[in-house]
N, C-alpha and C. Protein backbone atom coordinates (compact mmCIF):
# COMPACT_ATOMS: atom_id res chain seq x y z
N MET A 1 131.29 0.70 82.93
CA MET A 1 131.78 1.93 82.52
C MET A 1 132.95 1.79 81.62
N ALA A 2 133.81 1.09 82.00
CA ALA A 2 134.95 0.91 81.10
C ALA A 2 134.68 -0.31 80.22
N GLU A 3 134.86 -0.10 78.99
CA GLU A 3 134.69 -1.20 78.05
C GLU A 3 136.05 -1.85 77.82
N PRO A 4 135.99 -3.16 77.66
CA PRO A 4 137.30 -3.82 77.40
C PRO A 4 137.75 -3.46 76.00
N ILE A 5 139.02 -3.24 75.97
CA ILE A 5 139.60 -2.94 74.66
C ILE A 5 139.56 -4.24 73.85
N HIS A 6 139.03 -4.15 72.72
CA HIS A 6 138.91 -5.35 71.90
C HIS A 6 139.63 -5.11 70.58
N GLU A 7 139.96 -6.15 70.03
CA GLU A 7 140.71 -6.07 68.78
C GLU A 7 139.74 -5.93 67.66
N LYS A 8 140.19 -5.36 66.59
CA LYS A 8 139.34 -5.15 65.49
C LYS A 8 139.13 -6.47 64.74
N THR A 9 137.95 -6.62 64.38
CA THR A 9 137.65 -7.83 63.62
C THR A 9 137.89 -7.55 62.16
N ASN A 10 138.01 -8.63 61.41
CA ASN A 10 138.30 -8.48 59.98
C ASN A 10 137.20 -7.76 59.26
N THR A 11 136.01 -8.04 59.64
CA THR A 11 134.92 -7.38 58.96
C THR A 11 134.92 -5.86 59.23
N GLU A 12 135.35 -5.52 60.43
CA GLU A 12 135.43 -4.07 60.75
C GLU A 12 136.56 -3.43 59.98
N VAL A 13 137.67 -4.17 59.84
CA VAL A 13 138.82 -3.59 59.12
C VAL A 13 138.47 -3.49 57.65
N GLN A 14 137.82 -4.47 57.11
CA GLN A 14 137.47 -4.48 55.71
C GLN A 14 136.43 -3.44 55.43
N ALA A 15 135.55 -3.22 56.34
CA ALA A 15 134.48 -2.23 56.10
C ALA A 15 135.06 -0.80 56.23
N GLY A 16 136.21 -0.64 56.80
CA GLY A 16 136.80 0.69 56.96
C GLY A 16 136.24 1.41 58.11
N VAL A 17 135.61 0.75 58.99
CA VAL A 17 134.97 1.43 60.12
C VAL A 17 135.90 1.30 61.31
N GLU A 18 136.24 2.34 61.92
CA GLU A 18 137.07 2.31 63.08
C GLU A 18 136.28 2.88 64.22
N HIS A 19 136.45 2.33 65.36
CA HIS A 19 135.79 2.85 66.54
C HIS A 19 136.82 3.67 67.30
N HIS A 20 136.32 4.83 67.73
CA HIS A 20 137.17 5.72 68.45
C HIS A 20 136.97 5.45 69.92
N VAL A 21 138.03 5.36 70.67
CA VAL A 21 137.93 5.03 72.09
C VAL A 21 138.31 6.28 72.86
N ASP A 22 137.42 6.72 73.84
CA ASP A 22 137.65 7.92 74.67
C ASP A 22 138.77 7.60 75.69
N PRO A 23 139.65 8.61 75.94
CA PRO A 23 140.71 8.38 76.95
C PRO A 23 140.07 8.36 78.32
N GLN A 24 140.73 7.65 79.21
CA GLN A 24 140.22 7.54 80.59
C GLN A 24 141.41 7.62 81.54
N ALA A 25 141.10 8.15 82.71
CA ALA A 25 142.10 8.21 83.77
C ALA A 25 141.43 7.99 85.06
N LEU A 26 141.97 7.18 85.84
CA LEU A 26 141.43 6.81 87.16
C LEU A 26 139.99 6.37 87.06
N GLY A 27 139.63 5.87 85.99
CA GLY A 27 138.27 5.37 85.82
C GLY A 27 137.28 6.44 85.41
N PHE A 28 137.74 7.66 85.12
CA PHE A 28 136.84 8.74 84.70
C PHE A 28 137.10 9.03 83.23
N ASP A 29 136.03 9.27 82.51
CA ASP A 29 136.25 9.70 81.15
C ASP A 29 136.44 11.19 81.08
N ALA A 30 136.58 11.80 79.90
CA ALA A 30 136.92 13.22 79.75
C ALA A 30 135.84 14.14 80.27
N THR A 31 134.61 13.83 80.09
CA THR A 31 133.50 14.66 80.54
C THR A 31 133.50 14.73 82.04
N MET A 32 133.70 13.58 82.69
CA MET A 32 133.70 13.59 84.18
C MET A 32 134.91 14.33 84.72
N LEU A 33 136.06 14.24 83.99
CA LEU A 33 137.24 14.97 84.47
C LEU A 33 137.07 16.48 84.35
N VAL A 34 136.43 16.96 83.28
CA VAL A 34 136.17 18.39 83.12
C VAL A 34 135.24 18.87 84.19
N GLY A 35 134.20 18.11 84.48
CA GLY A 35 133.22 18.50 85.53
C GLY A 35 133.92 18.54 86.86
N LEU A 36 134.74 17.56 87.17
CA LEU A 36 135.50 17.51 88.46
C LEU A 36 136.44 18.70 88.54
N SER A 37 137.12 19.08 87.51
CA SER A 37 138.02 20.19 87.47
C SER A 37 137.26 21.50 87.75
N MET A 38 136.09 21.65 87.11
CA MET A 38 135.29 22.83 87.31
C MET A 38 134.85 22.95 88.81
N LEU A 39 134.46 21.79 89.37
CA LEU A 39 134.06 21.77 90.78
C LEU A 39 135.20 22.18 91.67
N ILE A 40 136.40 21.75 91.40
CA ILE A 40 137.56 22.14 92.19
C ILE A 40 137.85 23.67 92.06
N VAL A 41 137.74 24.20 90.83
CA VAL A 41 137.96 25.64 90.60
C VAL A 41 136.96 26.45 91.34
N VAL A 42 135.68 26.06 91.29
CA VAL A 42 134.60 26.78 91.94
C VAL A 42 134.83 26.73 93.46
N LEU A 43 135.18 25.55 94.02
CA LEU A 43 135.46 25.45 95.47
C LEU A 43 136.64 26.32 95.84
N ALA A 44 137.67 26.38 94.99
CA ALA A 44 138.87 27.23 95.29
C ALA A 44 138.47 28.70 95.31
N MET A 45 137.62 29.08 94.39
CA MET A 45 137.16 30.48 94.29
C MET A 45 136.36 30.85 95.55
N ILE A 46 135.50 29.90 96.00
CA ILE A 46 134.71 30.17 97.17
C ILE A 46 135.61 30.23 98.42
N TRP A 47 136.60 29.33 98.47
CA TRP A 47 137.51 29.31 99.59
C TRP A 47 138.35 30.58 99.65
N LYS A 48 138.76 31.13 98.52
CA LYS A 48 139.55 32.36 98.44
C LYS A 48 138.66 33.63 98.51
N LYS A 49 137.38 33.44 98.65
CA LYS A 49 136.38 34.50 98.79
C LYS A 49 136.38 35.43 97.54
N VAL A 50 136.46 34.86 96.38
CA VAL A 50 136.41 35.61 95.14
C VAL A 50 135.04 36.23 94.88
N PRO A 51 133.96 35.51 95.18
CA PRO A 51 132.62 36.16 94.97
C PRO A 51 132.45 37.41 95.80
N ALA A 52 132.96 37.40 97.05
CA ALA A 52 132.87 38.56 97.88
C ALA A 52 133.70 39.72 97.31
N ALA A 53 134.86 39.38 96.78
CA ALA A 53 135.70 40.42 96.16
C ALA A 53 135.00 41.01 94.92
N ILE A 54 134.39 40.10 94.15
CA ILE A 54 133.64 40.58 92.96
C ILE A 54 132.49 41.49 93.40
N GLY A 55 131.78 41.08 94.45
CA GLY A 55 130.67 41.85 94.98
C GLY A 55 131.16 43.22 95.50
N ARG A 56 132.33 43.21 96.19
CA ARG A 56 132.85 44.53 96.65
C ARG A 56 133.22 45.38 95.47
N SER A 57 133.83 44.81 94.48
CA SER A 57 134.20 45.55 93.26
C SER A 57 132.98 46.15 92.60
N LEU A 58 131.92 45.33 92.43
CA LEU A 58 130.69 45.78 91.82
C LEU A 58 130.03 46.84 92.69
N ASP A 59 130.05 46.67 94.03
CA ASP A 59 129.51 47.68 94.92
C ASP A 59 130.24 49.00 94.77
N GLY A 60 131.57 48.94 94.64
CA GLY A 60 132.38 50.15 94.44
C GLY A 60 132.00 50.85 93.13
N LYS A 61 131.85 50.05 92.07
CA LYS A 61 131.47 50.63 90.78
C LYS A 61 130.06 51.23 90.85
N ILE A 62 129.15 50.55 91.58
CA ILE A 62 127.79 51.09 91.73
C ILE A 62 127.82 52.36 92.52
N ALA A 63 128.67 52.41 93.58
CA ALA A 63 128.75 53.66 94.38
C ALA A 63 129.31 54.78 93.50
N ALA A 64 130.31 54.44 92.69
CA ALA A 64 130.90 55.48 91.82
C ALA A 64 129.90 55.99 90.84
N ILE A 65 129.11 55.08 90.26
CA ILE A 65 128.06 55.49 89.30
C ILE A 65 127.00 56.31 89.99
N ARG A 66 126.63 55.91 91.22
CA ARG A 66 125.63 56.71 91.97
C ARG A 66 126.18 58.11 92.23
N ALA A 67 127.46 58.21 92.61
CA ALA A 67 128.11 59.51 92.85
C ALA A 67 128.06 60.34 91.60
N GLN A 68 128.39 59.71 90.45
CA GLN A 68 128.36 60.45 89.17
C GLN A 68 126.91 60.93 88.86
N LEU A 69 125.92 60.03 89.11
CA LEU A 69 124.54 60.41 88.89
C LEU A 69 124.13 61.57 89.79
N ASP A 70 124.56 61.48 91.09
CA ASP A 70 124.23 62.56 92.03
C ASP A 70 124.85 63.86 91.60
N GLU A 71 126.13 63.77 91.15
CA GLU A 71 126.84 64.98 90.67
C GLU A 71 126.16 65.55 89.44
N ALA A 72 125.76 64.62 88.52
CA ALA A 72 125.06 65.07 87.32
C ALA A 72 123.73 65.70 87.66
N SER A 73 123.04 65.15 88.65
CA SER A 73 121.76 65.71 89.09
C SER A 73 122.00 67.08 89.70
N ALA A 74 123.04 67.21 90.55
CA ALA A 74 123.34 68.52 91.14
C ALA A 74 123.69 69.56 90.06
N LEU A 75 124.51 69.11 89.06
CA LEU A 75 124.85 70.04 87.95
C LEU A 75 123.64 70.41 87.18
N ARG A 76 122.73 69.45 86.96
CA ARG A 76 121.52 69.77 86.24
C ARG A 76 120.66 70.78 87.03
N GLN A 77 120.58 70.57 88.34
CA GLN A 77 119.81 71.48 89.20
C GLN A 77 120.43 72.90 89.14
N GLU A 78 121.76 72.89 89.22
CA GLU A 78 122.48 74.21 89.17
C GLU A 78 122.23 74.88 87.80
N ALA A 79 122.27 74.08 86.73
CA ALA A 79 122.02 74.60 85.39
C ALA A 79 120.60 75.12 85.29
N GLU A 80 119.65 74.40 85.85
CA GLU A 80 118.25 74.85 85.86
C GLU A 80 118.11 76.17 86.60
N THR A 81 118.82 76.27 87.75
CA THR A 81 118.76 77.49 88.56
C THR A 81 119.35 78.67 87.77
N LEU A 82 120.53 78.41 87.13
CA LEU A 82 121.14 79.45 86.32
C LEU A 82 120.25 79.82 85.16
N LYS A 83 119.63 78.86 84.54
CA LYS A 83 118.74 79.14 83.41
C LYS A 83 117.57 80.00 83.86
N ALA A 84 116.96 79.66 85.00
CA ALA A 84 115.86 80.47 85.55
C ALA A 84 116.36 81.85 85.89
N GLU A 85 117.53 81.94 86.47
CA GLU A 85 118.07 83.25 86.83
C GLU A 85 118.30 84.12 85.56
N TYR A 86 118.89 83.50 84.54
CA TYR A 86 119.11 84.28 83.32
C TYR A 86 117.83 84.60 82.60
N GLN A 87 116.84 83.71 82.66
CA GLN A 87 115.52 84.03 82.08
C GLN A 87 114.92 85.20 82.82
N ALA A 88 115.04 85.20 84.14
CA ALA A 88 114.50 86.35 84.93
C ALA A 88 115.26 87.63 84.59
N LYS A 89 116.59 87.53 84.45
CA LYS A 89 117.36 88.70 84.06
C LYS A 89 116.95 89.19 82.67
N ALA A 90 116.78 88.25 81.73
CA ALA A 90 116.37 88.62 80.39
C ALA A 90 115.01 89.29 80.41
N ALA A 91 114.11 88.74 81.21
CA ALA A 91 112.74 89.33 81.27
C ALA A 91 112.85 90.73 81.90
N ALA A 92 113.69 90.88 82.94
CA ALA A 92 113.86 92.18 83.56
C ALA A 92 114.49 93.17 82.60
N ALA A 93 115.47 92.72 81.85
CA ALA A 93 116.12 93.59 80.85
C ALA A 93 115.13 93.97 79.77
N GLU A 94 114.31 93.07 79.36
CA GLU A 94 113.30 93.33 78.34
C GLU A 94 112.28 94.36 78.89
N ALA A 95 111.87 94.18 80.12
CA ALA A 95 110.92 95.16 80.73
C ALA A 95 111.59 96.51 80.88
N GLU A 96 112.86 96.51 81.27
CA GLU A 96 113.58 97.77 81.42
C GLU A 96 113.74 98.46 80.06
N ALA A 97 114.02 97.68 79.02
CA ALA A 97 114.11 98.23 77.67
C ALA A 97 112.77 98.81 77.21
N ALA A 98 111.70 98.11 77.51
CA ALA A 98 110.35 98.61 77.16
C ALA A 98 110.09 99.91 77.91
N ALA A 99 110.49 99.96 79.21
CA ALA A 99 110.28 101.17 79.99
C ALA A 99 111.12 102.31 79.44
N MET A 100 112.36 102.00 78.99
CA MET A 100 113.22 103.03 78.46
C MET A 100 112.64 103.58 77.16
N VAL A 101 112.09 102.68 76.31
CA VAL A 101 111.46 103.12 75.09
C VAL A 101 110.24 104.04 75.40
N GLU A 102 109.47 103.61 76.38
CA GLU A 102 108.29 104.39 76.79
C GLU A 102 108.72 105.77 77.32
N ARG A 103 109.76 105.81 78.15
CA ARG A 103 110.28 107.09 78.67
C ARG A 103 110.77 107.94 77.53
N ALA A 104 111.45 107.35 76.57
CA ALA A 104 111.98 108.08 75.41
C ALA A 104 110.82 108.67 74.61
N ARG A 105 109.75 107.85 74.46
CA ARG A 105 108.56 108.39 73.73
C ARG A 105 107.96 109.58 74.48
N HIS A 106 107.83 109.43 75.82
CA HIS A 106 107.26 110.57 76.59
C HIS A 106 108.18 111.77 76.49
N GLU A 107 109.48 111.55 76.60
CA GLU A 107 110.41 112.70 76.51
C GLU A 107 110.34 113.34 75.13
N ALA A 108 110.27 112.48 74.06
CA ALA A 108 110.17 113.01 72.72
C ALA A 108 108.87 113.81 72.52
N GLU A 109 107.77 113.26 73.09
CA GLU A 109 106.49 113.99 73.06
C GLU A 109 106.60 115.32 73.77
N GLY A 110 107.25 115.29 74.95
CA GLY A 110 107.46 116.56 75.71
C GLY A 110 108.29 117.54 74.95
N ILE A 111 109.35 117.04 74.31
CA ILE A 111 110.22 117.92 73.55
C ILE A 111 109.47 118.50 72.34
N ARG A 112 108.67 117.63 71.69
CA ARG A 112 107.89 118.10 70.56
C ARG A 112 106.89 119.17 70.99
N THR A 113 106.19 118.87 72.09
CA THR A 113 105.21 119.83 72.63
C THR A 113 105.88 121.16 72.96
N LYS A 114 107.02 121.06 73.62
CA LYS A 114 107.76 122.28 74.03
C LYS A 114 108.24 123.03 72.80
N ALA A 115 108.70 122.30 71.79
CA ALA A 115 109.18 122.94 70.55
C ALA A 115 107.98 123.65 69.86
N GLU A 116 106.82 123.00 69.84
CA GLU A 116 105.66 123.63 69.26
C GLU A 116 105.29 124.89 70.02
N ALA A 117 105.30 124.77 71.34
CA ALA A 117 104.94 125.94 72.18
C ALA A 117 105.98 127.04 72.00
N ASP A 118 107.29 126.68 71.94
CA ASP A 118 108.34 127.66 71.71
C ASP A 118 108.17 128.33 70.32
N ALA A 119 107.82 127.51 69.36
CA ALA A 119 107.63 128.05 68.00
C ALA A 119 106.45 129.04 67.95
N GLU A 120 105.37 128.64 68.62
CA GLU A 120 104.18 129.53 68.70
C GLU A 120 104.54 130.81 69.43
N ALA A 121 105.29 130.69 70.55
CA ALA A 121 105.68 131.85 71.30
C ALA A 121 106.59 132.75 70.47
N LEU A 122 107.52 132.13 69.74
CA LEU A 122 108.44 132.89 68.88
C LEU A 122 107.65 133.62 67.81
N VAL A 123 106.70 132.91 67.17
CA VAL A 123 105.91 133.55 66.10
C VAL A 123 105.11 134.69 66.73
N GLU A 124 104.49 134.44 67.93
CA GLU A 124 103.71 135.48 68.58
C GLU A 124 104.62 136.66 68.96
N ARG A 125 105.80 136.36 69.50
CA ARG A 125 106.72 137.42 69.88
C ARG A 125 107.18 138.24 68.66
N ARG A 126 107.49 137.57 67.57
CA ARG A 126 107.91 138.26 66.35
C ARG A 126 106.76 139.05 65.77
N THR A 127 105.58 138.49 65.84
CA THR A 127 104.40 139.19 65.31
C THR A 127 104.21 140.46 66.15
N ARG A 128 104.29 140.32 67.47
CA ARG A 128 104.10 141.47 68.38
C ARG A 128 105.21 142.48 68.10
N MET A 129 106.45 141.99 67.91
CA MET A 129 107.55 142.92 67.66
C MET A 129 107.31 143.62 66.32
N ALA A 130 106.88 142.92 65.30
CA ALA A 130 106.55 143.56 64.01
C ALA A 130 105.46 144.54 64.15
N GLU A 131 104.38 144.16 64.94
CA GLU A 131 103.27 145.11 65.13
C GLU A 131 103.75 146.32 65.90
N ASP A 132 104.58 146.11 66.93
CA ASP A 132 105.14 147.24 67.71
C ASP A 132 105.99 148.14 66.83
N LYS A 133 106.78 147.50 65.94
CA LYS A 133 107.65 148.26 65.07
C LYS A 133 106.80 149.08 64.06
N ILE A 134 105.73 148.40 63.57
CA ILE A 134 104.82 149.14 62.66
C ILE A 134 104.16 150.27 63.36
N ALA A 135 103.70 150.01 64.63
CA ALA A 135 103.05 151.10 65.40
C ALA A 135 104.06 152.22 65.68
N ALA A 136 105.29 151.85 66.00
CA ALA A 136 106.30 152.91 66.25
C ALA A 136 106.58 153.72 64.98
N GLU A 137 106.65 152.98 63.86
CA GLU A 137 106.84 153.68 62.55
C GLU A 137 105.66 154.62 62.27
N GLU A 138 104.43 154.11 62.59
CA GLU A 138 103.22 154.93 62.37
C GLU A 138 103.29 156.18 63.25
N ARG A 139 103.62 155.97 64.52
CA ARG A 139 103.76 157.13 65.43
C ARG A 139 104.83 158.10 64.98
N ALA A 140 105.98 157.52 64.54
CA ALA A 140 107.05 158.39 64.04
C ALA A 140 106.57 159.16 62.83
N ALA A 141 105.83 158.43 61.95
CA ALA A 141 105.33 159.10 60.72
C ALA A 141 104.33 160.19 61.08
N VAL A 142 103.43 159.87 62.07
CA VAL A 142 102.42 160.86 62.50
C VAL A 142 103.13 162.05 63.11
N GLN A 143 104.17 161.75 63.97
CA GLN A 143 104.92 162.88 64.61
C GLN A 143 105.65 163.71 63.56
N GLN A 144 106.21 163.00 62.61
CA GLN A 144 106.92 163.74 61.56
C GLN A 144 105.95 164.55 60.74
N LEU A 145 104.78 163.92 60.47
CA LEU A 145 103.75 164.63 59.72
C LEU A 145 103.27 165.85 60.50
N ARG A 146 103.04 165.71 61.82
CA ARG A 146 102.64 166.85 62.68
C ARG A 146 103.71 167.90 62.70
N ALA A 147 104.96 167.40 62.86
CA ALA A 147 106.06 168.38 62.89
C ALA A 147 106.13 169.18 61.58
N THR A 148 105.98 168.39 60.49
CA THR A 148 106.04 169.06 59.15
C THR A 148 104.83 169.97 59.03
N ALA A 149 103.68 169.49 59.49
CA ALA A 149 102.45 170.35 59.42
C ALA A 149 102.62 171.59 60.26
N ALA A 150 103.19 171.39 61.51
CA ALA A 150 103.39 172.51 62.40
C ALA A 150 104.37 173.52 61.80
N GLU A 151 105.42 172.98 61.19
CA GLU A 151 106.42 173.89 60.57
C GLU A 151 105.80 174.61 59.40
N ALA A 152 105.01 173.85 58.61
CA ALA A 152 104.34 174.48 57.47
C ALA A 152 103.36 175.57 57.94
N ALA A 153 102.62 175.21 59.06
CA ALA A 153 101.66 176.18 59.60
C ALA A 153 102.39 177.41 60.13
N ALA A 154 103.53 177.17 60.83
CA ALA A 154 104.28 178.29 61.39
C ALA A 154 104.83 179.14 60.27
N CYS A 155 105.36 178.49 59.20
CA CYS A 155 105.82 179.29 58.07
C CYS A 155 104.70 180.07 57.41
N ALA A 156 103.57 179.38 57.27
CA ALA A 156 102.39 180.07 56.65
C ALA A 156 101.89 181.21 57.54
N ALA A 157 101.90 180.97 58.85
CA ALA A 157 101.47 182.03 59.77
C ALA A 157 102.44 183.20 59.72
N ALA A 158 103.73 182.88 59.65
CA ALA A 158 104.72 183.93 59.58
C ALA A 158 104.59 184.72 58.30
N ARG A 159 104.29 184.09 57.24
CA ARG A 159 104.06 184.76 55.94
C ARG A 159 102.82 185.60 56.00
N ILE A 160 101.78 185.01 56.59
CA ILE A 160 100.54 185.78 56.68
C ILE A 160 100.70 186.99 57.59
N ILE A 161 101.38 186.77 58.70
CA ILE A 161 101.61 187.87 59.63
C ILE A 161 102.50 188.90 58.97
N ALA A 162 103.52 188.42 58.28
CA ALA A 162 104.43 189.37 57.60
C ALA A 162 103.68 190.11 56.51
N GLU A 163 102.78 189.50 55.86
CA GLU A 163 102.02 190.18 54.79
C GLU A 163 101.04 191.13 55.39
N ARG A 164 100.37 190.83 56.49
CA ARG A 164 99.31 191.65 57.03
C ARG A 164 99.82 192.72 57.99
N HIS A 165 100.87 192.50 58.57
CA HIS A 165 101.35 193.47 59.55
C HIS A 165 102.58 194.19 58.95
N ASP A 166 102.56 195.43 59.20
CA ASP A 166 103.72 196.19 58.76
C ASP A 166 104.51 196.60 60.00
N VAL A 167 105.39 197.53 59.87
CA VAL A 167 106.25 197.95 60.98
C VAL A 167 105.46 198.66 62.03
N ALA A 168 104.54 199.42 61.69
CA ALA A 168 103.75 200.20 62.61
C ALA A 168 102.87 199.30 63.45
N ALA A 169 102.32 198.21 62.82
CA ALA A 169 101.48 197.28 63.54
C ALA A 169 102.34 196.48 64.50
N ASP A 170 103.57 196.18 64.08
CA ASP A 170 104.47 195.44 64.96
C ASP A 170 104.83 196.28 66.18
N LYS A 171 105.04 197.58 65.97
CA LYS A 171 105.41 198.47 67.09
C LYS A 171 104.32 198.50 68.06
N ALA A 172 103.07 198.57 67.62
CA ALA A 172 101.91 198.65 68.52
C ALA A 172 101.78 197.34 69.26
N LEU A 173 102.00 196.24 68.65
CA LEU A 173 101.94 194.97 69.32
C LEU A 173 103.03 194.85 70.36
N ILE A 174 104.22 195.29 70.07
CA ILE A 174 105.32 195.20 71.00
C ILE A 174 105.06 196.08 72.16
N ASP A 175 104.55 197.27 71.94
CA ASP A 175 104.22 198.20 73.04
C ASP A 175 103.15 197.60 73.92
N GLN A 176 102.19 196.94 73.30
CA GLN A 176 101.14 196.33 74.08
C GLN A 176 101.68 195.19 74.92
N ALA A 177 102.57 194.42 74.36
CA ALA A 177 103.17 193.26 75.11
C ALA A 177 104.01 193.79 76.23
N ILE A 178 104.76 194.89 76.02
CA ILE A 178 105.59 195.45 77.07
C ILE A 178 104.70 196.03 78.15
N GLY A 179 103.64 196.64 77.78
CA GLY A 179 102.71 197.19 78.75
C GLY A 179 102.02 196.09 79.54
N GLY A 180 101.79 195.02 78.93
CA GLY A 180 101.19 193.88 79.62
C GLY A 180 102.15 193.21 80.60
N LEU A 181 103.42 193.40 80.41
CA LEU A 181 104.42 192.84 81.31
C LEU A 181 104.43 193.54 82.64
N GLY A 182 104.20 194.75 82.62
CA GLY A 182 104.24 195.52 83.83
C GLY A 182 103.03 195.22 84.69
N ARG A 183 101.98 194.89 84.14
CA ARG A 183 100.78 194.59 84.90
C ARG A 183 100.77 193.23 85.54
N THR A 184 101.46 192.37 85.08
CA THR A 184 101.43 191.03 85.64
C THR A 184 102.26 190.95 86.89
N HIS A 185 103.13 191.91 87.15
CA HIS A 185 103.95 191.82 88.35
C HIS A 185 103.21 192.36 89.47
């Protein structure tokens, strides 16, 4: 394992070739010393229970991540529930709006129908009032015409009587009327 240190020969010096010699300690070269150091560090870590501490640390992180995932899942479920609730409310509001529009249409139809009926009734009432007014005017005209005719007839009769009867005829009529009064009692 250990090579004897030898002196450089002239041919080696003249050729410019130098051999590099690895350092050694306690009969171990550098590679063996690094491996031995690593073995000591690993054994110290095992003795101090470092892998268990690393495992506990990783388990804690895993538990924290699981808690976050559970919380995220719960939040997602809550969001889904809220979404469904709001969708149901939106659908109910849409249905209510459609019902309100339908009620408004029915009310508008009812108002239009009532307005048409009221307009027809008003026209009929005004027509009847106009006809009644015309009939009243006709009756008034007929009455006035009769009154005028009666007055004209009375005037004509008075003229005729005045022309045909004189004072003597009037006296005879009066005496006859007075005589007729006594008999009726």
